[in-house]
Amino acid sequence: SVLSSLPSFQSFQIVMLGLDCAGKTTVLYRLQFNEFVNTVPTKAFNTEKIKVTLGNSKTVTFHFWDEKFHTCHCGSHIPDCTDGVVFLVVSVDIERTEEAKTELHKITRISENQGVPVLIVANKQDLRNSLSPSEIEKLLAMAPWHLQPTCAITGDGLKEGLEKLHDMIIKRLNAKHPFKNPCKRQDGQQYLMSKCFYLP
């Protein structure tokens, strides 16, 4: 199969989006340190390289770009070299879920962004008044994306979500380049991502 034939040193560029206080930075540090870390609001963006061992025993490096809405010059356009998008929503706030829906659909309807795999992370599922995954899917008017219920504090659901995102990325890359190694990265790709996020 395609997945079993890929090397174990894959590295992917992931843009992490979501409204403020959705838990993006908490998710990043939970994945990186495997523990809860108190965070402060992101001023512009964070970037972290995180190695994850997936269910098939392959070690994958996800290079996350944690972007704060309304601060990046990219607006609704994500960098061309983005392999996938992680979009966080808060499971306990219907009003903010509606706002997140507007931003999410704005991003995914741009022609340049279409086809990029999107993982919806429904954070704060540990709270008693949280919406169910099916309720969130209905509120977001879900397209063919994957919604993963999670808790950033405990880490529940995060690895499962990354495994699903990884599968979606590999299938897309293989469809685009069926006769090439989809894991081969272009020189300067990280520079291009950094340049995009740093420009005003």
N, C-alpha and C. Protein backbone atom coordinates (compact mmCIF):
# COMPACT_ATOMS: atom_id res chain seq x y z
N SER A 1 0.84 -1.19 0.00
CA SER A 1 0.00 0.00 0.00
C SER A 1 0.88 1.24 0.00
N VAL A 2 0.24 2.38 -0.31
CA VAL A 2 0.98 3.64 -0.34
C VAL A 2 1.55 3.96 1.03
N LEU A 3 0.72 3.82 2.08
CA LEU A 3 1.16 4.19 3.42
C LEU A 3 2.32 3.34 3.90
N SER A 4 2.27 2.02 3.63
CA SER A 4 3.31 1.14 4.14
C SER A 4 4.62 1.33 3.40
N SER A 5 4.59 1.91 2.19
CA SER A 5 5.81 2.07 1.41
C SER A 5 6.53 3.37 1.68
N LEU A 6 5.94 4.26 2.49
CA LEU A 6 6.54 5.55 2.74
C LEU A 6 7.63 5.46 3.80
N PRO A 7 8.65 6.29 3.70
CA PRO A 7 9.72 6.27 4.70
C PRO A 7 9.24 6.79 6.04
N SER A 8 10.05 6.57 7.10
CA SER A 8 9.63 6.91 8.45
C SER A 8 10.08 8.30 8.88
N PHE A 9 10.62 9.10 7.94
CA PHE A 9 11.12 10.42 8.32
C PHE A 9 10.30 11.53 7.68
N GLN A 10 8.99 11.33 7.61
CA GLN A 10 8.12 12.31 6.98
C GLN A 10 8.07 13.59 7.81
N SER A 11 7.93 14.72 7.11
CA SER A 11 7.78 16.01 7.77
C SER A 11 6.75 16.82 7.02
N PHE A 12 5.80 17.39 7.75
CA PHE A 12 4.71 18.11 7.11
C PHE A 12 4.51 19.48 7.75
N GLN A 13 4.14 20.44 6.90
CA GLN A 13 3.87 21.81 7.35
C GLN A 13 2.37 21.94 7.64
N ILE A 14 2.05 22.27 8.88
CA ILE A 14 0.66 22.34 9.31
C ILE A 14 0.35 23.74 9.84
N VAL A 15 -0.67 24.37 9.29
CA VAL A 15 -1.12 25.67 9.79
C VAL A 15 -2.25 25.42 10.79
N MET A 16 -2.09 25.97 11.99
CA MET A 16 -3.10 25.82 13.04
C MET A 16 -3.87 27.13 13.18
N LEU A 17 -5.17 27.04 13.00
CA LEU A 17 -6.04 28.21 13.02
C LEU A 17 -7.14 28.05 14.04
N GLY A 18 -7.81 29.15 14.34
CA GLY A 18 -8.91 29.14 15.29
C GLY A 18 -9.03 30.50 15.94
N LEU A 19 -10.18 30.77 16.51
CA LEU A 19 -10.37 32.05 17.18
C LEU A 19 -9.50 32.12 18.42
N ASP A 20 -9.31 33.33 18.94
CA ASP A 20 -8.50 33.48 20.15
C ASP A 20 -9.11 32.70 21.31
N CYS A 21 -8.23 32.18 22.15
CA CYS A 21 -8.62 31.41 23.35
C CYS A 21 -9.29 30.08 23.02
N ALA A 22 -9.08 29.58 21.81
CA ALA A 22 -9.63 28.27 21.46
C ALA A 22 -8.77 27.14 22.01
N GLY A 23 -7.51 27.45 22.36
CA GLY A 23 -6.64 26.44 22.93
C GLY A 23 -5.54 25.96 22.00
N LYS A 24 -5.23 26.75 20.97
CA LYS A 24 -4.23 26.32 19.98
C LYS A 24 -2.85 26.10 20.61
N THR A 25 -2.39 27.09 21.38
CA THR A 25 -1.07 26.97 21.98
C THR A 25 -1.04 25.87 23.03
N THR A 26 -2.13 25.69 23.75
CA THR A 26 -2.21 24.61 24.73
C THR A 26 -2.09 23.26 24.04
N VAL A 27 -2.73 23.12 22.89
CA VAL A 27 -2.63 21.88 22.11
C VAL A 27 -1.19 21.64 21.68
N LEU A 28 -0.53 22.68 21.19
CA LEU A 28 0.86 22.55 20.74
C LEU A 28 1.76 22.04 21.86
N TYR A 29 1.66 22.65 23.03
CA TYR A 29 2.55 22.28 24.12
C TYR A 29 2.18 20.92 24.72
N ARG A 30 0.90 20.57 24.69
CA ARG A 30 0.50 19.23 25.13
C ARG A 30 1.13 18.17 24.23
N LEU A 31 1.14 18.43 22.92
CA LEU A 31 1.75 17.49 21.98
C LEU A 31 3.26 17.44 22.14
N GLN A 32 3.87 18.60 22.38
CA GLN A 32 5.33 18.66 22.46
C GLN A 32 5.89 18.08 23.76
N PHE A 33 5.25 18.41 24.88
CA PHE A 33 5.80 18.01 26.18
C PHE A 33 5.01 16.90 26.86
N ASN A 34 3.87 16.51 26.25
CA ASN A 34 3.01 15.46 26.82
C ASN A 34 2.54 15.81 28.23
N GLU A 35 2.32 17.09 28.46
CA GLU A 35 1.78 17.55 29.73
C GLU A 35 1.13 18.91 29.52
N PHE A 36 0.28 19.29 30.47
CA PHE A 36 -0.38 20.58 30.38
C PHE A 36 0.59 21.69 30.75
N VAL A 37 0.64 22.74 29.93
CA VAL A 37 1.51 23.88 30.17
C VAL A 37 0.66 25.15 30.13
N ASN A 38 0.74 25.96 31.18
CA ASN A 38 0.03 27.24 31.17
C ASN A 38 0.60 28.13 30.07
N THR A 39 -0.26 28.77 29.31
CA THR A 39 0.18 29.59 28.18
C THR A 39 -0.36 31.01 28.30
N VAL A 40 0.19 31.89 27.50
CA VAL A 40 -0.31 33.26 27.39
C VAL A 40 -0.82 33.46 25.97
N PRO A 41 -1.73 34.41 25.75
CA PRO A 41 -2.27 34.63 24.40
C PRO A 41 -1.16 34.88 23.38
N THR A 42 -1.31 34.27 22.22
CA THR A 42 -0.33 34.41 21.15
C THR A 42 -0.40 35.81 20.55
N LYS A 43 0.75 36.49 20.46
CA LYS A 43 0.78 37.84 19.91
C LYS A 43 0.61 37.84 18.39
N ALA A 44 1.32 36.96 17.71
CA ALA A 44 1.23 36.88 16.25
C ALA A 44 1.14 35.42 15.83
N PHE A 45 2.24 34.66 16.04
CA PHE A 45 2.19 33.23 15.78
C PHE A 45 3.30 32.52 16.53
N ASN A 46 3.06 31.23 16.79
CA ASN A 46 4.07 30.33 17.34
C ASN A 46 4.43 29.32 16.27
N THR A 47 5.61 28.75 16.37
CA THR A 47 5.98 27.66 15.47
C THR A 47 6.73 26.61 16.27
N GLU A 48 6.31 25.36 16.11
CA GLU A 48 6.91 24.25 16.84
C GLU A 48 7.02 23.04 15.93
N LYS A 49 8.17 22.34 16.02
CA LYS A 49 8.33 21.06 15.34
C LYS A 49 8.09 19.95 16.36
N ILE A 50 7.15 19.09 16.06
CA ILE A 50 6.76 18.05 17.01
C ILE A 50 6.79 16.69 16.33
N LYS A 51 7.54 15.76 16.91
CA LYS A 51 7.60 14.39 16.38
C LYS A 51 6.53 13.54 17.05
N VAL A 52 5.79 12.81 16.22
CA VAL A 52 4.70 11.98 16.72
C VAL A 52 4.85 10.58 16.15
N THR A 53 4.74 9.57 17.00
CA THR A 53 4.74 8.19 16.53
C THR A 53 3.30 7.77 16.31
N LEU A 54 2.97 7.44 15.06
CA LEU A 54 1.61 7.09 14.71
C LEU A 54 1.37 5.60 14.94
N GLY A 55 0.13 5.18 14.72
CA GLY A 55 -0.24 3.80 14.99
C GLY A 55 0.53 2.78 14.18
N ASN A 56 1.02 3.18 13.01
CA ASN A 56 1.79 2.25 12.17
C ASN A 56 3.27 2.28 12.50
N SER A 57 3.63 2.87 13.63
CA SER A 57 5.00 2.92 14.15
C SER A 57 5.91 3.84 13.34
N LYS A 58 5.35 4.65 12.46
CA LYS A 58 6.16 5.62 11.73
C LYS A 58 6.28 6.90 12.55
N THR A 59 7.47 7.46 12.59
CA THR A 59 7.67 8.74 13.27
C THR A 59 7.50 9.86 12.26
N VAL A 60 6.57 10.74 12.55
CA VAL A 60 6.24 11.84 11.65
C VAL A 60 6.52 13.16 12.35
N THR A 61 7.14 14.09 11.65
CA THR A 61 7.37 15.43 12.19
C THR A 61 6.33 16.39 11.63
N PHE A 62 5.56 16.97 12.50
CA PHE A 62 4.61 18.00 12.12
C PHE A 62 5.21 19.35 12.51
N HIS A 63 5.40 20.22 11.52
CA HIS A 63 5.89 21.58 11.80
C HIS A 63 4.66 22.48 11.86
N PHE A 64 4.25 22.81 13.07
CA PHE A 64 3.03 23.59 13.27
C PHE A 64 3.32 25.09 13.22
N TRP A 65 2.42 25.80 12.56
CA TRP A 65 2.44 27.26 12.53
C TRP A 65 1.13 27.71 13.16
N ASP A 66 1.22 28.17 14.40
CA ASP A 66 0.06 28.56 15.19
C ASP A 66 -0.21 30.04 14.94
N GLU A 67 -1.23 30.30 14.15
CA GLU A 67 -1.51 31.68 13.72
C GLU A 67 -2.68 32.28 14.48
N LYS A 68 -2.53 33.53 14.86
CA LYS A 68 -3.64 34.27 15.47
C LYS A 68 -4.41 34.99 14.37
N PHE A 69 -5.73 34.84 14.38
CA PHE A 69 -6.55 35.50 13.36
C PHE A 69 -6.36 37.01 13.38
N HIS A 70 -6.45 37.60 12.21
CA HIS A 70 -6.45 39.05 12.01
C HIS A 70 -5.08 39.68 12.23
N THR A 71 -4.01 38.87 12.40
CA THR A 71 -2.68 39.45 12.59
C THR A 71 -1.75 39.12 11.44
N CYS A 72 -2.03 38.04 10.70
CA CYS A 72 -1.14 37.62 9.63
C CYS A 72 -1.56 38.25 8.32
N HIS A 73 -0.60 38.71 7.56
CA HIS A 73 -0.91 39.38 6.30
C HIS A 73 -1.57 38.44 5.31
N CYS A 74 -1.46 37.13 5.55
CA CYS A 74 -2.01 36.15 4.61
C CYS A 74 -3.53 36.24 4.55
N GLY A 75 -4.16 36.79 5.60
CA GLY A 75 -5.61 36.86 5.62
C GLY A 75 -6.21 35.47 5.58
N SER A 76 -7.06 35.21 4.59
CA SER A 76 -7.70 33.91 4.48
C SER A 76 -6.93 32.96 3.58
N HIS A 77 -5.84 33.42 3.01
CA HIS A 77 -5.04 32.56 2.13
C HIS A 77 -3.92 31.92 2.93
N ILE A 78 -3.84 30.61 2.90
CA ILE A 78 -2.77 29.91 3.59
C ILE A 78 -1.62 29.68 2.62
N PRO A 79 -0.38 29.56 3.11
CA PRO A 79 0.77 29.39 2.22
C PRO A 79 0.63 28.19 1.30
N ASP A 80 1.16 28.31 0.08
CA ASP A 80 1.04 27.25 -0.92
C ASP A 80 1.65 25.94 -0.45
N CYS A 81 2.70 26.00 0.37
CA CYS A 81 3.39 24.79 0.79
C CYS A 81 2.78 24.17 2.04
N THR A 82 1.57 24.58 2.41
CA THR A 82 0.88 23.99 3.55
C THR A 82 0.40 22.59 3.20
N ASP A 83 0.72 21.62 4.06
CA ASP A 83 0.27 20.25 3.85
C ASP A 83 -1.09 19.98 4.46
N GLY A 84 -1.42 20.68 5.53
CA GLY A 84 -2.70 20.47 6.19
C GLY A 84 -3.04 21.61 7.12
N VAL A 85 -4.31 21.66 7.51
CA VAL A 85 -4.80 22.70 8.41
C VAL A 85 -5.46 22.04 9.62
N VAL A 86 -5.11 22.53 10.80
CA VAL A 86 -5.81 22.15 12.03
C VAL A 86 -6.60 23.37 12.49
N PHE A 87 -7.91 23.22 12.58
CA PHE A 87 -8.77 24.35 12.95
C PHE A 87 -9.47 24.02 14.27
N LEU A 88 -9.20 24.82 15.30
CA LEU A 88 -9.77 24.58 16.63
C LEU A 88 -11.06 25.35 16.83
N VAL A 89 -12.03 24.68 17.44
CA VAL A 89 -13.26 25.32 17.87
C VAL A 89 -13.47 25.00 19.35
N VAL A 90 -14.17 25.88 20.04
CA VAL A 90 -14.47 25.69 21.45
C VAL A 90 -15.82 24.98 21.57
N SER A 91 -15.86 23.85 22.25
CA SER A 91 -17.06 23.01 22.27
C SER A 91 -18.17 23.54 23.16
N VAL A 92 -17.91 24.59 23.92
CA VAL A 92 -18.89 25.04 24.92
C VAL A 92 -19.53 26.38 24.57
N ASP A 93 -19.26 26.92 23.42
CA ASP A 93 -19.72 28.27 23.10
C ASP A 93 -20.36 28.29 21.72
N ILE A 94 -21.71 28.27 21.69
CA ILE A 94 -22.42 28.23 20.41
C ILE A 94 -22.15 29.49 19.60
N GLU A 95 -22.15 30.66 20.26
CA GLU A 95 -21.94 31.92 19.55
C GLU A 95 -20.57 31.94 18.86
N ARG A 96 -19.53 31.50 19.58
CA ARG A 96 -18.19 31.50 18.99
C ARG A 96 -18.05 30.40 17.94
N THR A 97 -18.82 29.33 18.08
CA THR A 97 -18.80 28.29 17.05
C THR A 97 -19.34 28.84 15.74
N GLU A 98 -20.37 29.68 15.83
CA GLU A 98 -20.90 30.32 14.63
C GLU A 98 -19.86 31.24 14.00
N GLU A 99 -19.13 31.97 14.85
CA GLU A 99 -18.07 32.85 14.36
C GLU A 99 -16.95 32.03 13.71
N ALA A 100 -16.61 30.91 14.36
CA ALA A 100 -15.58 30.03 13.81
C ALA A 100 -16.02 29.45 12.46
N LYS A 101 -17.30 29.14 12.34
CA LYS A 101 -17.83 28.62 11.08
C LYS A 101 -17.60 29.63 9.95
N THR A 102 -17.88 30.90 10.23
CA THR A 102 -17.69 31.94 9.22
C THR A 102 -16.24 32.00 8.76
N GLU A 103 -15.31 31.98 9.71
CA GLU A 103 -13.89 32.04 9.37
C GLU A 103 -13.44 30.79 8.62
N LEU A 104 -13.90 29.64 9.08
CA LEU A 104 -13.51 28.37 8.46
C LEU A 104 -13.95 28.29 7.01
N HIS A 105 -15.20 28.65 6.76
CA HIS A 105 -15.70 28.59 5.39
C HIS A 105 -15.07 29.66 4.51
N LYS A 106 -14.72 30.79 5.11
CA LYS A 106 -14.03 31.83 4.35
C LYS A 106 -12.68 31.31 3.84
N ILE A 107 -11.98 30.58 4.70
CA ILE A 107 -10.67 30.04 4.35
C ILE A 107 -10.79 28.95 3.29
N THR A 108 -11.69 28.01 3.50
CA THR A 108 -11.74 26.83 2.64
C THR A 108 -12.40 27.09 1.29
N ARG A 109 -13.12 28.19 1.15
CA ARG A 109 -13.77 28.47 -0.13
C ARG A 109 -12.87 29.19 -1.12
N ILE A 110 -11.73 29.69 -0.66
CA ILE A 110 -10.78 30.31 -1.57
C ILE A 110 -10.16 29.23 -2.45
N SER A 111 -10.11 29.48 -3.75
CA SER A 111 -9.68 28.45 -4.70
C SER A 111 -8.29 27.91 -4.38
N GLU A 112 -7.37 28.79 -3.96
CA GLU A 112 -6.00 28.35 -3.67
C GLU A 112 -5.94 27.40 -2.48
N ASN A 113 -6.94 27.46 -1.61
CA ASN A 113 -6.93 26.63 -0.41
C ASN A 113 -7.69 25.32 -0.58
N GLN A 114 -8.47 25.20 -1.63
CA GLN A 114 -9.31 24.03 -1.79
C GLN A 114 -8.48 22.78 -1.99
N GLY A 115 -8.89 21.72 -1.32
CA GLY A 115 -8.17 20.45 -1.41
C GLY A 115 -7.19 20.22 -0.29
N VAL A 116 -6.81 21.28 0.44
CA VAL A 116 -5.89 21.11 1.57
C VAL A 116 -6.64 20.39 2.69
N PRO A 117 -6.10 19.28 3.20
CA PRO A 117 -6.78 18.54 4.26
C PRO A 117 -7.02 19.40 5.50
N VAL A 118 -8.22 19.29 6.06
CA VAL A 118 -8.59 20.08 7.23
C VAL A 118 -9.03 19.15 8.36
N LEU A 119 -8.41 19.31 9.52
CA LEU A 119 -8.83 18.60 10.73
C LEU A 119 -9.48 19.60 11.66
N ILE A 120 -10.75 19.37 12.00
CA ILE A 120 -11.45 20.22 12.95
C ILE A 120 -11.26 19.62 14.34
N VAL A 121 -10.65 20.39 15.24
CA VAL A 121 -10.43 19.93 16.61
C VAL A 121 -11.47 20.60 17.51
N ALA A 122 -12.38 19.79 18.04
CA ALA A 122 -13.40 20.30 18.96
C ALA A 122 -12.84 20.22 20.37
N ASN A 123 -12.26 21.32 20.83
CA ASN A 123 -11.57 21.34 22.12
C ASN A 123 -12.54 21.53 23.29
N LYS A 124 -12.07 21.22 24.47
CA LYS A 124 -12.80 21.38 25.73
C LYS A 124 -13.99 20.44 25.82
N GLN A 125 -13.83 19.23 25.27
CA GLN A 125 -14.88 18.22 25.36
C GLN A 125 -15.02 17.67 26.78
N ASP A 126 -14.08 17.99 27.66
CA ASP A 126 -14.15 17.51 29.04
C ASP A 126 -15.16 18.28 29.88
N LEU A 127 -15.59 19.44 29.40
CA LEU A 127 -16.53 20.25 30.17
C LEU A 127 -17.95 19.70 30.06
N ARG A 128 -18.69 19.79 31.15
CA ARG A 128 -20.01 19.16 31.23
C ARG A 128 -21.00 19.77 30.25
N ASN A 129 -20.86 21.04 29.94
CA ASN A 129 -21.81 21.70 29.04
C ASN A 129 -21.32 21.76 27.59
N SER A 130 -20.34 20.93 27.26
CA SER A 130 -19.81 20.95 25.89
C SER A 130 -20.81 20.35 24.91
N LEU A 131 -20.81 20.88 23.70
CA LEU A 131 -21.64 20.35 22.63
C LEU A 131 -21.08 19.01 22.18
N SER A 132 -21.94 18.13 21.72
CA SER A 132 -21.48 16.84 21.21
C SER A 132 -20.85 17.04 19.83
N PRO A 133 -20.00 16.11 19.40
CA PRO A 133 -19.41 16.23 18.05
C PRO A 133 -20.46 16.39 16.96
N SER A 134 -21.57 15.66 17.07
CA SER A 134 -22.60 15.75 16.03
C SER A 134 -23.25 17.14 16.03
N GLU A 135 -23.42 17.74 17.21
CA GLU A 135 -23.98 19.09 17.28
C GLU A 135 -23.02 20.11 16.67
N ILE A 136 -21.73 19.93 16.91
CA ILE A 136 -20.74 20.85 16.33
C ILE A 136 -20.68 20.69 14.82
N GLU A 137 -20.73 19.45 14.35
CA GLU A 137 -20.74 19.21 12.91
C GLU A 137 -21.90 19.92 12.25
N LYS A 138 -23.06 19.88 12.89
CA LYS A 138 -24.25 20.54 12.34
C LYS A 138 -24.08 22.05 12.33
N LEU A 139 -23.54 22.61 13.42
CA LEU A 139 -23.33 24.06 13.50
C LEU A 139 -22.32 24.55 12.46
N LEU A 140 -21.30 23.75 12.20
CA LEU A 140 -20.26 24.14 11.25
C LEU A 140 -20.64 23.87 9.81
N ALA A 141 -21.79 23.19 9.60
CA ALA A 141 -22.18 22.78 8.24
C ALA A 141 -21.00 22.06 7.58
N MET A 142 -20.58 20.98 8.21
CA MET A 142 -19.34 20.30 7.86
C MET A 142 -19.27 19.89 6.40
N ALA A 143 -18.15 20.21 5.78
CA ALA A 143 -17.80 19.71 4.45
C ALA A 143 -17.10 18.37 4.67
N PRO A 144 -16.46 17.79 3.66
CA PRO A 144 -15.76 16.51 3.87
C PRO A 144 -14.48 16.67 4.67
N TRP A 145 -14.62 17.17 5.89
CA TRP A 145 -13.49 17.29 6.79
C TRP A 145 -13.67 16.26 7.90
N HIS A 146 -12.69 16.16 8.77
CA HIS A 146 -12.80 15.24 9.92
C HIS A 146 -12.86 16.06 11.19
N LEU A 147 -13.85 15.78 12.04
CA LEU A 147 -13.96 16.45 13.32
C LEU A 147 -13.49 15.51 14.42
N GLN A 148 -12.56 15.99 15.24
CA GLN A 148 -11.99 15.18 16.31
C GLN A 148 -12.30 15.81 17.67
N PRO A 149 -13.11 15.14 18.51
CA PRO A 149 -13.35 15.65 19.86
C PRO A 149 -12.08 15.51 20.70
N THR A 150 -11.70 16.57 21.41
CA THR A 150 -10.44 16.54 22.17
C THR A 150 -10.56 17.31 23.48
N CYS A 151 -9.54 17.12 24.30
CA CYS A 151 -9.31 17.95 25.48
C CYS A 151 -7.84 18.28 25.51
N ALA A 152 -7.49 19.54 25.28
CA ALA A 152 -6.09 19.93 25.21
C ALA A 152 -5.38 19.76 26.55
N ILE A 153 -6.12 19.88 27.65
CA ILE A 153 -5.50 19.77 28.97
C ILE A 153 -5.01 18.35 29.24
N THR A 154 -5.85 17.36 28.91
CA THR A 154 -5.47 15.96 29.15
C THR A 154 -4.80 15.31 27.95
N GLY A 155 -5.00 15.90 26.77
CA GLY A 155 -4.45 15.32 25.55
C GLY A 155 -5.35 14.32 24.87
N ASP A 156 -6.51 14.04 25.46
CA ASP A 156 -7.43 13.06 24.88
C ASP A 156 -7.84 13.46 23.46
N GLY A 157 -7.70 12.52 22.54
CA GLY A 157 -8.15 12.72 21.17
C GLY A 157 -7.15 13.37 20.24
N LEU A 158 -6.08 13.95 20.76
CA LEU A 158 -5.15 14.69 19.91
C LEU A 158 -4.38 13.78 18.96
N LYS A 159 -3.84 12.68 19.47
CA LYS A 159 -3.07 11.78 18.62
C LYS A 159 -3.95 11.14 17.56
N GLU A 160 -5.17 10.77 17.95
CA GLU A 160 -6.10 10.20 16.98
C GLU A 160 -6.40 11.19 15.86
N GLY A 161 -6.53 12.46 16.21
CA GLY A 161 -6.78 13.47 15.20
C GLY A 161 -5.61 13.63 14.25
N LEU A 162 -4.38 13.60 14.78
CA LEU A 162 -3.19 13.72 13.93
C LEU A 162 -3.04 12.52 13.01
N GLU A 163 -3.41 11.35 13.49
CA GLU A 163 -3.35 10.17 12.63
C GLU A 163 -4.30 10.32 11.45
N LYS A 164 -5.49 10.85 11.71
CA LYS A 164 -6.46 11.06 10.63
C LYS A 164 -5.95 12.13 9.66
N LEU A 165 -5.39 13.22 10.20
CA LEU A 165 -4.85 14.27 9.34
C LEU A 165 -3.71 13.73 8.49
N HIS A 166 -2.84 12.93 9.08
CA HIS A 166 -1.73 12.32 8.34
C HIS A 166 -2.25 11.48 7.18
N ASP A 167 -3.27 10.68 7.43
CA ASP A 167 -3.85 9.85 6.37
C ASP A 167 -4.38 10.72 5.23
N MET A 168 -5.07 11.81 5.57
CA MET A 168 -5.63 12.69 4.55
C MET A 168 -4.53 13.35 3.73
N ILE A 169 -3.45 13.76 4.40
CA ILE A 169 -2.34 14.40 3.70
C ILE A 169 -1.69 13.44 2.72
N ILE A 170 -1.41 12.22 3.17
CA ILE A 170 -0.75 11.23 2.33
C ILE A 170 -1.60 10.90 1.10
N LYS A 171 -2.89 10.74 1.30
CA LYS A 171 -3.77 10.43 0.17
C LYS A 171 -3.78 11.57 -0.84
N ARG A 172 -3.78 12.80 -0.35
CA ARG A 172 -3.77 13.95 -1.26
C ARG A 172 -2.45 14.03 -2.03
N LEU A 173 -1.32 13.87 -1.32
CA LEU A 173 -0.02 13.94 -1.97
C LEU A 173 0.15 12.83 -2.99
N ASN A 174 -0.33 11.65 -2.67
CA ASN A 174 -0.22 10.54 -3.60
C ASN A 174 -1.08 10.77 -4.84
N ALA A 175 -2.24 11.40 -4.67
CA ALA A 175 -3.10 11.69 -5.81
C ALA A 175 -2.48 12.74 -6.71
N LYS A 176 -1.74 13.70 -6.11
CA LYS A 176 -1.10 14.76 -6.90
C LYS A 176 0.16 14.27 -7.60
N HIS A 177 0.91 13.37 -6.93
CA HIS A 177 2.18 12.89 -7.47
C HIS A 177 2.25 11.37 -7.35
N PRO A 178 1.45 10.63 -8.12
CA PRO A 178 1.37 9.18 -7.96
C PRO A 178 2.66 8.44 -8.26
N PHE A 179 3.59 9.04 -9.00
CA PHE A 179 4.81 8.33 -9.36
C PHE A 179 6.04 8.92 -8.69
N LYS A 180 5.81 9.80 -7.71
CA LYS A 180 6.92 10.41 -7.00
C LYS A 180 6.79 10.12 -5.51
N ASN A 181 7.89 10.25 -4.81
CA ASN A 181 7.85 10.09 -3.37
C ASN A 181 7.17 11.32 -2.77
N PRO A 182 5.94 11.17 -2.21
CA PRO A 182 5.22 12.34 -1.72
C PRO A 182 5.83 12.95 -0.47
N CYS A 183 6.83 12.28 0.11
CA CYS A 183 7.43 12.81 1.34
C CYS A 183 8.63 13.69 1.06
N LYS A 184 9.07 13.77 -0.19
CA LYS A 184 10.24 14.58 -0.51
C LYS A 184 9.87 16.05 -0.43
N ARG A 185 10.57 16.81 0.41
CA ARG A 185 10.24 18.21 0.61
C ARG A 185 11.08 19.10 -0.27
N GLN A 186 10.50 20.20 -0.71
CA GLN A 186 11.22 21.14 -1.55
C GLN A 186 12.20 21.96 -0.71
N ASP A 187 13.36 22.27 -1.29
CA ASP A 187 14.33 23.12 -0.60
C ASP A 187 13.72 24.49 -0.35
N GLY A 188 13.93 25.00 0.85
CA GLY A 188 13.44 26.33 1.17
C GLY A 188 11.99 26.39 1.56
N GLN A 189 11.32 25.23 1.72
CA GLN A 189 9.91 25.25 2.07
C GLN A 189 9.67 25.91 3.42
N GLN A 190 10.51 25.56 4.40
CA GLN A 190 10.35 26.15 5.72
C GLN A 190 10.58 27.65 5.65
N TYR A 191 11.53 28.09 4.82
CA TYR A 191 11.78 29.52 4.67
C TYR A 191 10.55 30.22 4.12
N LEU A 192 9.89 29.60 3.15
CA LEU A 192 8.71 30.21 2.55
C LEU A 192 7.59 30.36 3.57
N MET A 193 7.40 29.34 4.41
CA MET A 193 6.38 29.43 5.44
C MET A 193 6.72 30.56 6.40
N SER A 194 7.97 30.61 6.83
CA SER A 194 8.39 31.65 7.77
C SER A 194 8.22 33.04 7.18
N LYS A 195 8.60 33.19 5.91
CA LYS A 195 8.48 34.48 5.24
C LYS A 195 7.03 34.93 5.18
N CYS A 196 6.14 34.01 4.92
CA CYS A 196 4.72 34.33 4.81
C CYS A 196 4.17 34.85 6.13
N PHE A 197 4.58 34.20 7.23
CA PHE A 197 4.04 34.60 8.52
C PHE A 197 4.70 35.84 9.09
N TYR A 198 5.94 36.11 8.69
CA TYR A 198 6.64 37.26 9.25
C TYR A 198 6.27 38.57 8.56
N LEU A 199 5.91 38.53 7.28
CA LEU A 199 5.62 39.77 6.57
C LEU A 199 4.39 40.45 7.15
N PRO A 200 4.37 41.77 7.23
CA PRO A 200 3.22 42.49 7.79
C PRO A 200 2.07 42.51 6.79
